[in-house]
Amino acid sequence: MTTSHLSALKSRHADLDEKIANEERRPCPDAAALASLKKQKLKIKEEMLAIA
C-alpha cells in the first residue's frame, strides 16, 4: 500500500469529518447517523495509522 492509498484514505477521512460537522450543525442531529459516521472515520484513521 503506497502513498496513493494513504492519500485516498486521508480524503475519505476529511469527507467524513465534513459530513459529521454538517450533521452536528443541523437543528436536530441524527444520533444514529452521527455514530455511524464516527465509526467509519475511526476505522479509516486506524487503517491510516497501520500503513503509515
PDB file of N, CA and C in Angstrom:
ATOM      1  N   MET A   1       0.833  -1.175   0.000  1.00  0.00           N
ATOM      2  CA  MET A   1       0.000   0.000   0.000  1.00  0.00           C
ATOM      3  C   MET A   1       0.879   1.241   0.000  1.00  0.00           C
ATOM      4  N   THR A   2       0.657   2.056  -0.969  1.00  0.00           N
ATOM      5  CA  THR A   2       1.534   3.186  -1.194  1.00  0.00           C
ATOM      6  C   THR A   2       0.905   4.494  -0.764  1.00  0.00           C
ATOM      7  N   THR A   3       1.573   5.558  -1.127  1.00  0.00           N
ATOM      8  CA  THR A   3       1.090   6.887  -0.759  1.00  0.00           C
ATOM      9  C   THR A   3      -0.248   7.206  -1.412  1.00  0.00           C
ATOM     10  N   SER A   4      -0.522   6.619  -2.568  1.00  0.00           N
ATOM     11  CA  SER A   4      -1.820   6.879  -3.207  1.00  0.00           C
ATOM     12  C   SER A   4      -2.960   6.312  -2.369  1.00  0.00           C
ATOM     13  N   HIS A   5      -2.725   5.161  -1.764  1.00  0.00           N
ATOM     14  CA  HIS A   5      -3.737   4.571  -0.887  1.00  0.00           C
ATOM     15  C   HIS A   5      -3.910   5.443   0.356  1.00  0.00           C
ATOM     16  N   LEU A   6      -2.809   5.906   0.905  1.00  0.00           N
ATOM     17  CA  LEU A   6      -2.867   6.776   2.081  1.00  0.00           C
ATOM     18  C   LEU A   6      -3.576   8.090   1.740  1.00  0.00           C
ATOM     19  N   SER A   7      -3.311   8.620   0.571  1.00  0.00           N
ATOM     20  CA  SER A   7      -3.974   9.852   0.128  1.00  0.00           C
ATOM     21  C   SER A   7      -5.477   9.646  -0.005  1.00  0.00           C
ATOM     22  N   ALA A   8      -5.872   8.497  -0.537  1.00  0.00           N
ATOM     23  CA  ALA A   8      -7.297   8.195  -0.673  1.00  0.00           C
ATOM     24  C   ALA A   8      -7.956   8.085   0.701  1.00  0.00           C
ATOM     25  N   LEU A   9      -7.259   7.461   1.632  1.00  0.00           N
ATOM     26  CA  LEU A   9      -7.802   7.335   2.987  1.00  0.00           C
ATOM     27  C   LEU A   9      -7.934   8.701   3.650  1.00  0.00           C
ATOM     28  N   LYS A  10      -6.934   9.559   3.460  1.00  0.00           N
ATOM     29  CA  LYS A  10      -6.991  10.907   4.039  1.00  0.00           C
ATOM     30  C   LYS A  10      -8.168  11.683   3.456  1.00  0.00           C
ATOM     31  N   SER A  11      -8.400  11.510   2.172  1.00  0.00           N
ATOM     32  CA  SER A  11      -9.509  12.192   1.513  1.00  0.00           C
ATOM     33  C   SER A  11     -10.846  11.713   2.075  1.00  0.00           C
ATOM     34  N   ARG A  12     -10.992  10.395   2.225  1.00  0.00           N
ATOM     35  CA  ARG A  12     -12.229   9.838   2.789  1.00  0.00           C
ATOM     36  C   ARG A  12     -12.413  10.292   4.234  1.00  0.00           C
ATOM     37  N   HIS A  13     -11.309  10.362   4.989  1.00  0.00           N
ATOM     38  CA  HIS A  13     -11.350  10.806   6.387  1.00  0.00           C
ATOM     39  C   HIS A  13     -11.846  12.257   6.460  1.00  0.00           C
ATOM     40  N   ALA A  14     -11.313  13.106   5.596  1.00  0.00           N
ATOM     41  CA  ALA A  14     -11.724  14.513   5.560  1.00  0.00           C
ATOM     42  C   ALA A  14     -13.189  14.650   5.146  1.00  0.00           C
ATOM     43  N   ASP A  15     -13.612  13.824   4.202  1.00  0.00           N
ATOM     44  CA  ASP A  15     -15.003  13.847   3.753  1.00  0.00           C
ATOM     45  C   ASP A  15     -15.946  13.469   4.891  1.00  0.00           C
ATOM     46  N   LEU A  16     -15.582  12.436   5.628  1.00  0.00           N
ATOM     47  CA  LEU A  16     -16.397  12.032   6.771  1.00  0.00           C
ATOM     48  C   LEU A  16     -16.407  13.115   7.846  1.00  0.00           C
ATOM     49  N   ASP A  17     -15.279  13.767   8.050  1.00  0.00           N
ATOM     50  CA  ASP A  17     -15.197  14.845   9.023  1.00  0.00           C
ATOM     51  C   ASP A  17     -16.182  15.959   8.657  1.00  0.00           C
ATOM     52  N   GLU A  18     -16.256  16.279   7.383  1.00  0.00           N
ATOM     53  CA  GLU A  18     -17.181  17.312   6.906  1.00  0.00           C
ATOM     54  C   GLU A  18     -18.635  16.871   7.085  1.00  0.00           C
ATOM     55  N   LYS A  19     -18.924  15.606   6.781  1.00  0.00           N
ATOM     56  CA  LYS A  19     -20.281  15.094   6.953  1.00  0.00           C
ATOM     57  C   LYS A  19     -20.701  15.128   8.424  1.00  0.00           C
ATOM     58  N   ILE A  20     -19.765  14.783   9.315  1.00  0.00           N
ATOM     59  CA  ILE A  20     -20.047  14.822  10.753  1.00  0.00           C
ATOM     60  C   ILE A  20     -20.342  16.255  11.190  1.00  0.00           C
ATOM     61  N   ALA A  21     -19.524  17.183  10.745  1.00  0.00           N
ATOM     62  CA  ALA A  21     -19.721  18.595  11.109  1.00  0.00           C
ATOM     63  C   ALA A  21     -21.067  19.098  10.600  1.00  0.00           C
ATOM     64  N   ASN A  22     -21.426  18.729   9.367  1.00  0.00           N
ATOM     65  CA  ASN A  22     -22.720  19.142   8.808  1.00  0.00           C
ATOM     66  C   ASN A  22     -23.875  18.571   9.609  1.00  0.00           C
ATOM     67  N   GLU A  23     -23.766  17.316   9.990  1.00  0.00           N
ATOM     68  CA  GLU A  23     -24.837  16.680  10.768  1.00  0.00           C
ATOM     69  C   GLU A  23     -24.968  17.333  12.143  1.00  0.00           C
ATOM     70  N   GLU A  24     -23.838  17.658  12.761  1.00  0.00           N
ATOM     71  CA  GLU A  24     -23.871  18.280  14.086  1.00  0.00           C
ATOM     72  C   GLU A  24     -24.451  19.686  14.052  1.00  0.00           C
ATOM     73  N   ARG A  25     -24.380  20.359  12.901  1.00  0.00           N
ATOM     74  CA  ARG A  25     -24.923  21.713  12.770  1.00  0.00           C
ATOM     75  C   ARG A  25     -26.436  21.717  12.558  1.00  0.00           C
ATOM     76  N   ARG A  26     -26.999  20.584  12.219  1.00  0.00           N
ATOM     77  CA  ARG A  26     -28.444  20.518  11.999  1.00  0.00           C
ATOM     78  C   ARG A  26     -29.178  20.827  13.302  1.00  0.00           C
ATOM     79  N   PRO A  27     -30.384  21.377  13.204  1.00  0.00           N
ATOM     80  CA  PRO A  27     -31.154  21.682  14.421  1.00  0.00           C
ATOM     81  C   PRO A  27     -31.417  20.451  15.292  1.00  0.00           C
ATOM     82  N   CYS A  28     -31.622  19.324  14.654  1.00  0.00           N
ATOM     83  CA  CYS A  28     -31.884  18.085  15.393  1.00  0.00           C
ATOM     84  C   CYS A  28     -31.036  16.973  14.775  1.00  0.00           C
ATOM     85  N   PRO A  29     -29.758  16.866  15.179  1.00  0.00           N
ATOM     86  CA  PRO A  29     -28.863  15.872  14.571  1.00  0.00           C
ATOM     87  C   PRO A  29     -29.345  14.440  14.793  1.00  0.00           C
ATOM     88  N   ASP A  30     -29.119  13.607  13.811  1.00  0.00           N
ATOM     89  CA  ASP A  30     -29.483  12.187  13.890  1.00  0.00           C
ATOM     90  C   ASP A  30     -28.355  11.445  14.606  1.00  0.00           C
ATOM     91  N   ALA A  31     -28.629  11.013  15.837  1.00  0.00           N
ATOM     92  CA  ALA A  31     -27.610  10.367  16.659  1.00  0.00           C
ATOM     93  C   ALA A  31     -27.089   9.085  16.013  1.00  0.00           C
ATOM     94  N   ALA A  32     -27.963   8.318  15.399  1.00  0.00           N
ATOM     95  CA  ALA A  32     -27.548   7.066  14.763  1.00  0.00           C
ATOM     96  C   ALA A  32     -26.637   7.345  13.570  1.00  0.00           C
ATOM     97  N   ALA A  33     -26.974   8.345  12.786  1.00  0.00           N
ATOM     98  CA  ALA A  33     -26.145   8.709  11.636  1.00  0.00           C
ATOM     99  C   ALA A  33     -24.780   9.209  12.109  1.00  0.00           C
ATOM    100  N   LEU A  34     -24.776  10.023  13.154  1.00  0.00           N
ATOM    101  CA  LEU A  34     -23.506  10.519  13.689  1.00  0.00           C
ATOM    102  C   LEU A  34     -22.638   9.372  14.186  1.00  0.00           C
ATOM    103  N   ALA A  35     -23.230   8.438  14.896  1.00  0.00           N
ATOM    104  CA  ALA A  35     -22.473   7.297  15.418  1.00  0.00           C
ATOM    105  C   ALA A  35     -21.868   6.491  14.273  1.00  0.00           C
ATOM    106  N   SER A  36     -22.650   6.273  13.228  1.00  0.00           N
ATOM    107  CA  SER A  36     -22.173   5.516  12.074  1.00  0.00           C
ATOM    108  C   SER A  36     -21.016   6.237  11.376  1.00  0.00           C
ATOM    109  N   LEU A  37     -21.170   7.536  11.172  1.00  0.00           N
ATOM    110  CA  LEU A  37     -20.109   8.321  10.525  1.00  0.00           C
ATOM    111  C   LEU A  37     -18.831   8.308  11.353  1.00  0.00           C
ATOM    112  N   LYS A  38     -18.985   8.437  12.664  1.00  0.00           N
ATOM    113  CA  LYS A  38     -17.808   8.452  13.537  1.00  0.00           C
ATOM    114  C   LYS A  38     -17.104   7.098  13.554  1.00  0.00           C
ATOM    115  N   LYS A  39     -17.866   6.011  13.481  1.00  0.00           N
ATOM    116  CA  LYS A  39     -17.263   4.678  13.425  1.00  0.00           C
ATOM    117  C   LYS A  39     -16.480   4.504  12.128  1.00  0.00           C
ATOM    118  N   GLN A  40     -17.075   4.961  11.027  1.00  0.00           N
ATOM    119  CA  GLN A  40     -16.387   4.868   9.743  1.00  0.00           C
ATOM    120  C   GLN A  40     -15.085   5.676   9.770  1.00  0.00           C
ATOM    121  N   LYS A  41     -15.170   6.871  10.351  1.00  0.00           N
ATOM    122  CA  LYS A  41     -13.995   7.738  10.428  1.00  0.00           C
ATOM    123  C   LYS A  41     -12.909   7.083  11.273  1.00  0.00           C
ATOM    124  N   LEU A  42     -13.290   6.458  12.374  1.00  0.00           N
ATOM    125  CA  LEU A  42     -12.322   5.793  13.238  1.00  0.00           C
ATOM    126  C   LEU A  42     -11.651   4.620  12.524  1.00  0.00           C
ATOM    127  N   LYS A  43     -12.420   3.836  11.771  1.00  0.00           N
ATOM    128  CA  LYS A  43     -11.846   2.710  11.027  1.00  0.00           C
ATOM    129  C   LYS A  43     -10.814   3.204  10.016  1.00  0.00           C
ATOM    130  N   ILE A  44     -11.132   4.296   9.338  1.00  0.00           N
ATOM    131  CA  ILE A  44     -10.202   4.846   8.356  1.00  0.00           C
ATOM    132  C   ILE A  44      -8.940   5.352   9.055  1.00  0.00           C
ATOM    133  N   LYS A  45      -9.115   6.016  10.195  1.00  0.00           N
ATOM    134  CA  LYS A  45      -7.957   6.514  10.938  1.00  0.00           C
ATOM    135  C   LYS A  45      -7.060   5.360  11.376  1.00  0.00           C
ATOM    136  N   GLU A  46      -7.665   4.286  11.860  1.00  0.00           N
ATOM    137  CA  GLU A  46      -6.887   3.122  12.276  1.00  0.00           C
ATOM    138  C   GLU A  46      -6.140   2.510  11.099  1.00  0.00           C
ATOM    139  N   GLU A  47      -6.792   2.462   9.948  1.00  0.00           N
ATOM    140  CA  GLU A  47      -6.126   1.924   8.753  1.00  0.00           C
ATOM    141  C   GLU A  47      -4.968   2.822   8.326  1.00  0.00           C
ATOM    142  N   MET A  48      -5.157   4.146   8.420  1.00  0.00           N
ATOM    143  CA  MET A  48      -4.073   5.067   8.066  1.00  0.00           C
ATOM    144  C   MET A  48      -2.886   4.871   9.007  1.00  0.00           C
ATOM    145  N   LEU A  49      -3.144   4.714  10.286  1.00  0.00           N
ATOM    146  CA  LEU A  49      -2.062   4.509  11.258  1.00  0.00           C
ATOM    147  C   LEU A  49      -1.346   3.180  11.020  1.00  0.00           C
ATOM    148  N   ALA A  50      -2.076   2.180  10.598  1.00  0.00           N
ATOM    149  CA  ALA A  50      -1.490   0.862  10.362  1.00  0.00           C
ATOM    150  C   ALA A  50      -0.516   0.859   9.187  1.00  0.00           C
ATOM    151  N   ILE A  51      -0.797   1.690   8.175  1.00  0.00           N
ATOM    152  CA  ILE A  51       0.070   1.692   6.991  1.00  0.00           C
ATOM    153  C   ILE A  51       1.104   2.808   7.004  1.00  0.00           C
ATOM    154  N   ALA A  52       0.961   3.723   7.932  1.00  0.00           N
ATOM    155  CA  ALA A  52       1.900   4.873   7.960  1.00  0.00           C
ATOM    156  C   ALA A  52       3.199   4.494   8.649  1.00  0.00           C
TER     157      ALA A  52
END
